[in-house]
Amino acid sequence: MASNILPTNEHMAERVIRVVFGLCILSLVFVGPKTRFGYLGIIPLLTGLIGSCPLYTLFGFSTCPKKQP
């Protein structure tokens, strides 16, 4: 059931990039300008950790390689 709601639709390289990018943006809350804008980093961080992007699901897009039957 969870795979229908949040299917894995991100390639492993994209997931790593999203996690690193999310952590960089989130660090703006604690270091640097200390702005609340940094909380937006939670979005790429969570989608990278989960491996599913809701917008990809909505538009039927996937960066995962095709699975062999």
Protein backbone atom coordinates (compact mmCIF):
# COMPACT_ATOMS: atom_id res chain seq x y z
CA MET A 1 0.00 0.00 0.00
CA ALA A 2 2.79 2.44 0.87
CA SER A 3 4.46 1.72 -2.47
CA ASN A 4 1.37 3.05 -4.25
CA ILE A 5 1.45 6.30 -2.30
CA LEU A 6 5.22 6.83 -2.25
CA PRO A 7 6.78 4.78 -5.05
CA THR A 8 10.56 4.89 -5.34
CA ASN A 9 11.10 7.21 -8.30
CA GLU A 10 14.55 8.70 -7.66
CA HIS A 11 17.90 7.34 -8.81
CA MET A 12 20.47 6.69 -6.07
CA ALA A 13 22.74 9.50 -7.33
CA GLU A 14 19.83 11.94 -7.26
CA ARG A 15 18.96 10.86 -3.73
CA VAL A 16 22.51 11.56 -2.54
CA ILE A 17 22.48 14.98 -4.22
CA ARG A 18 19.12 15.82 -2.64
CA VAL A 19 20.31 14.84 0.85
CA VAL A 20 23.53 16.87 0.55
CA PHE A 21 21.65 19.85 -0.92
CA GLY A 22 19.01 19.65 1.81
CA LEU A 23 21.63 19.57 4.54
CA CYS A 24 23.42 22.57 3.00
CA ILE A 25 20.22 24.61 2.86
CA LEU A 26 19.21 23.48 6.35
CA SER A 27 22.58 24.62 7.70
CA LEU A 28 21.54 28.22 6.92
CA VAL A 29 19.36 28.05 10.02
CA PHE A 30 22.32 27.36 12.30
CA VAL A 31 25.35 28.98 10.60
CA GLY A 32 25.82 31.78 8.14
CA PRO A 33 22.95 34.25 7.85
CA LYS A 34 20.79 32.27 10.34
CA THR A 35 17.63 32.71 8.33
CA ARG A 36 14.37 30.76 8.50
CA PHE A 37 14.69 30.24 4.74
CA GLY A 38 16.94 27.33 5.61
CA TYR A 39 13.99 25.25 6.81
CA LEU A 40 13.12 24.70 3.15
CA GLY A 41 16.06 22.29 3.13
CA ILE A 42 13.85 19.79 4.90
CA ILE A 43 11.99 19.13 1.64
CA PRO A 44 14.91 17.83 -0.46
CA LEU A 45 16.35 16.12 2.61
CA LEU A 46 13.18 14.10 3.24
CA THR A 47 12.54 13.28 -0.42
CA GLY A 48 16.13 12.10 -0.73
CA LEU A 49 15.91 9.92 2.36
CA ILE A 50 12.55 8.44 1.36
CA GLY A 51 13.49 8.03 -2.31
CA SER A 52 10.17 9.33 -3.55
CA CYS A 53 9.34 12.76 -4.91
CA PRO A 54 5.62 13.64 -4.78
CA LEU A 55 5.92 15.88 -7.86
CA TYR A 56 7.53 13.05 -9.82
CA THR A 57 4.61 10.82 -8.80
CA LEU A 58 2.07 13.47 -9.77
CA PHE A 59 3.56 13.95 -13.24
CA GLY A 60 4.46 10.27 -13.78
CA PHE A 61 8.18 10.98 -13.98
CA SER A 62 10.95 8.72 -12.66
CA THR A 63 14.74 8.79 -12.70
CA CYS A 64 15.03 5.20 -11.47
CA PRO A 65 16.38 2.67 -13.93
CA LYS A 66 13.75 0.29 -15.27
CA LYS A 67 13.37 -2.87 -13.22
CA GLN A 68 13.80 -6.15 -15.07
CA PRO A 69 10.86 -8.58 -14.63
